[in-house]
């Protein structure tokens, strides 16, 4: 048994721990939504249609879903380039 643990220990120590958005400081979600609908506060959407000129109210800032930011390499990408632990 000890021989197996000695042989396997280097392999187990190098396991890749994924960078999960839910553990990132930029992850935000509304209280009553499930975690899959969390958004990334690091990537705000640019509002092309500014309603300020129409009604005088500044629009709320919108963010991309975490799923979207992990799909594109110019954002976080699959490897989580901008991940910061909470």
C-alpha atoms as a PDB file:
ATOM      1  CA  UNK A   1       0.000   0.000   0.000  1.00  0.00           C
ATOM      2  CA  UNK A   2       2.773   2.459   0.831  1.00  0.00           C
ATOM      3  CA  UNK A   3       4.528   1.746  -2.448  1.00  0.00           C
ATOM      4  CA  UNK A   4       1.362   2.680  -4.352  1.00  0.00           C
ATOM      5  CA  UNK A   5       0.964   5.915  -2.405  1.00  0.00           C
ATOM      6  CA  UNK A   6       4.604   6.833  -3.049  1.00  0.00           C
ATOM      7  CA  UNK A   7       4.214   6.193  -6.762  1.00  0.00           C
ATOM      8  CA  UNK A   8       0.850   7.961  -7.092  1.00  0.00           C
ATOM      9  CA  UNK A   9       1.529  10.973  -4.857  1.00  0.00           C
ATOM     10  CA  UNK A  10       3.308  13.084  -7.542  1.00  0.00           C
ATOM     11  CA  UNK A  11       0.406  12.491  -9.917  1.00  0.00           C
ATOM     12  CA  UNK A  12      -2.225  13.416  -7.337  1.00  0.00           C
ATOM     13  CA  UNK A  13      -0.330  16.516  -6.242  1.00  0.00           C
ATOM     14  CA  UNK A  14      -0.337  17.912  -9.782  1.00  0.00           C
ATOM     15  CA  UNK A  15      -4.088  17.715 -10.309  1.00  0.00           C
ATOM     16  CA  UNK A  16      -5.407  20.734 -12.150  1.00  0.00           C
ATOM     17  CA  UNK A  17      -7.840  22.723 -10.039  1.00  0.00           C
ATOM     18  CA  UNK A  18     -10.182  24.614 -12.381  1.00  0.00           C
ATOM     19  CA  UNK A  19     -10.711  28.334 -11.933  1.00  0.00           C
ATOM     20  CA  UNK A  20     -14.441  28.435 -11.235  1.00  0.00           C
ATOM     21  CA  UNK A  21     -16.234  31.726 -11.803  1.00  0.00           C
ATOM     22  CA  UNK A  22     -18.310  31.191  -8.668  1.00  0.00           C
ATOM     23  CA  UNK A  23     -15.073  31.485  -6.615  1.00  0.00           C
ATOM     24  CA  UNK A  24     -13.889  34.640  -8.426  1.00  0.00           C
ATOM     25  CA  UNK A  25     -14.171  38.118  -6.913  1.00  0.00           C
ATOM     26  CA  UNK A  26     -15.740  39.448 -10.147  1.00  0.00           C
ATOM     27  CA  UNK A  27     -18.630  36.944 -10.032  1.00  0.00           C
ATOM     28  CA  UNK A  28     -22.021  38.499  -9.288  1.00  0.00           C
ATOM     29  CA  UNK A  29     -25.522  37.095  -9.249  1.00  0.00           C
ATOM     30  CA  UNK A  30     -28.923  38.181  -8.142  1.00  0.00           C
ATOM     31  CA  UNK A  31     -30.276  36.553  -5.000  1.00  0.00           C
ATOM     32  CA  UNK A  32     -33.070  34.512  -6.555  1.00  0.00           C
ATOM     33  CA  UNK A  33     -31.196  33.293  -9.645  1.00  0.00           C
ATOM     34  CA  UNK A  34     -29.218  30.087  -9.910  1.00  0.00           C
ATOM     35  CA  UNK A  35     -25.438  30.323 -10.173  1.00  0.00           C
ATOM     36  CA  UNK A  36     -25.413  29.484 -13.900  1.00  0.00           C
ATOM     37  CA  UNK A  37     -26.848  32.949 -14.548  1.00  0.00           C
ATOM     38  CA  UNK A  38     -24.057  34.750 -12.721  1.00  0.00           C
ATOM     39  CA  UNK A  39     -22.408  37.680 -14.433  1.00  0.00           C
ATOM     40  CA  UNK A  40     -18.828  38.910 -14.577  1.00  0.00           C
ATOM     41  CA  UNK A  41     -18.381  42.447 -13.252  1.00  0.00           C
ATOM     42  CA  UNK A  42     -15.036  42.671 -15.027  1.00  0.00           C
ATOM     43  CA  UNK A  43     -16.673  42.833 -18.461  1.00  0.00           C
ATOM     44  CA  UNK A  44     -19.429  45.466 -18.742  1.00  0.00           C
ATOM     45  CA  UNK A  45     -21.477  45.618 -21.911  1.00  0.00           C
ATOM     46  CA  UNK A  46     -21.164  48.800 -23.867  1.00  0.00           C
ATOM     47  CA  UNK A  47     -24.561  50.414 -24.191  1.00  0.00           C
ATOM     48  CA  UNK A  48     -24.887  51.572 -27.783  1.00  0.00           C
ATOM     49  CA  UNK A  49     -28.394  52.889 -27.232  1.00  0.00           C
ATOM     50  CA  UNK A  50     -28.061  55.397 -24.434  1.00  0.00           C
ATOM     51  CA  UNK A  51     -31.551  56.066 -23.108  1.00  0.00           C
ATOM     52  CA  UNK A  52     -30.299  59.199 -21.322  1.00  0.00           C
ATOM     53  CA  UNK A  53     -30.998  61.231 -24.431  1.00  0.00           C
ATOM     54  CA  UNK A  54     -34.569  59.936 -24.501  1.00  0.00           C
ATOM     55  CA  UNK A  55     -35.749  60.054 -20.899  1.00  0.00           C
ATOM     56  CA  UNK A  56     -32.915  61.688 -18.935  1.00  0.00           C
ATOM     57  CA  UNK A  57     -32.225  58.535 -16.880  1.00  0.00           C
ATOM     58  CA  UNK A  58     -28.839  56.924 -16.838  1.00  0.00           C
ATOM     59  CA  UNK A  59     -29.142  53.207 -17.758  1.00  0.00           C
ATOM     60  CA  UNK A  60     -28.036  50.519 -15.318  1.00  0.00           C
ATOM     61  CA  UNK A  61     -24.700  48.945 -16.114  1.00  0.00           C
ATOM     62  CA  UNK A  62     -25.084  45.523 -17.710  1.00  0.00           C
ATOM     63  CA  UNK A  63     -22.461  42.788 -17.580  1.00  0.00           C
ATOM     64  CA  UNK A  64     -21.767  39.712 -19.678  1.00  0.00           C
ATOM     65  CA  UNK A  65     -22.709  36.323 -18.290  1.00  0.00           C
ATOM     66  CA  UNK A  66     -19.769  34.367 -16.906  1.00  0.00           C
ATOM     67  CA  UNK A  67     -20.472  31.672 -19.466  1.00  0.00           C
ATOM     68  CA  UNK A  68     -19.962  34.213 -22.258  1.00  0.00           C
ATOM     69  CA  UNK A  69     -16.738  35.610 -20.821  1.00  0.00           C
ATOM     70  CA  UNK A  70     -15.301  32.096 -20.507  1.00  0.00           C
ATOM     71  CA  UNK A  71     -16.121  31.317 -24.136  1.00  0.00           C
ATOM     72  CA  UNK A  72     -14.060  34.162 -25.626  1.00  0.00           C
ATOM     73  CA  UNK A  73     -10.273  34.420 -25.474  1.00  0.00           C
ATOM     74  CA  UNK A  74     -10.360  38.235 -25.513  1.00  0.00           C
ATOM     75  CA  UNK A  75     -12.209  38.008 -22.189  1.00  0.00           C
ATOM     76  CA  UNK A  76     -11.330  35.342 -19.595  1.00  0.00           C
ATOM     77  CA  UNK A  77     -11.313  32.359 -21.918  1.00  0.00           C
ATOM     78  CA  UNK A  78     -11.403  28.704 -20.930  1.00  0.00           C
ATOM     79  CA  UNK A  79      -8.328  29.066 -18.701  1.00  0.00           C
ATOM     80  CA  UNK A  80      -9.752  32.011 -16.697  1.00  0.00           C
ATOM     81  CA  UNK A  81      -7.016  34.565 -17.477  1.00  0.00           C
ATOM     82  CA  UNK A  82      -8.405  37.302 -15.213  1.00  0.00           C
ATOM     83  CA  UNK A  83      -9.560  35.049 -12.363  1.00  0.00           C
ATOM     84  CA  UNK A  84      -8.962  36.451  -8.874  1.00  0.00           C
ATOM     85  CA  UNK A  85      -9.884  34.349  -5.865  1.00  0.00           C
ATOM     86  CA  UNK A  86     -12.483  35.904  -3.511  1.00  0.00           C
END
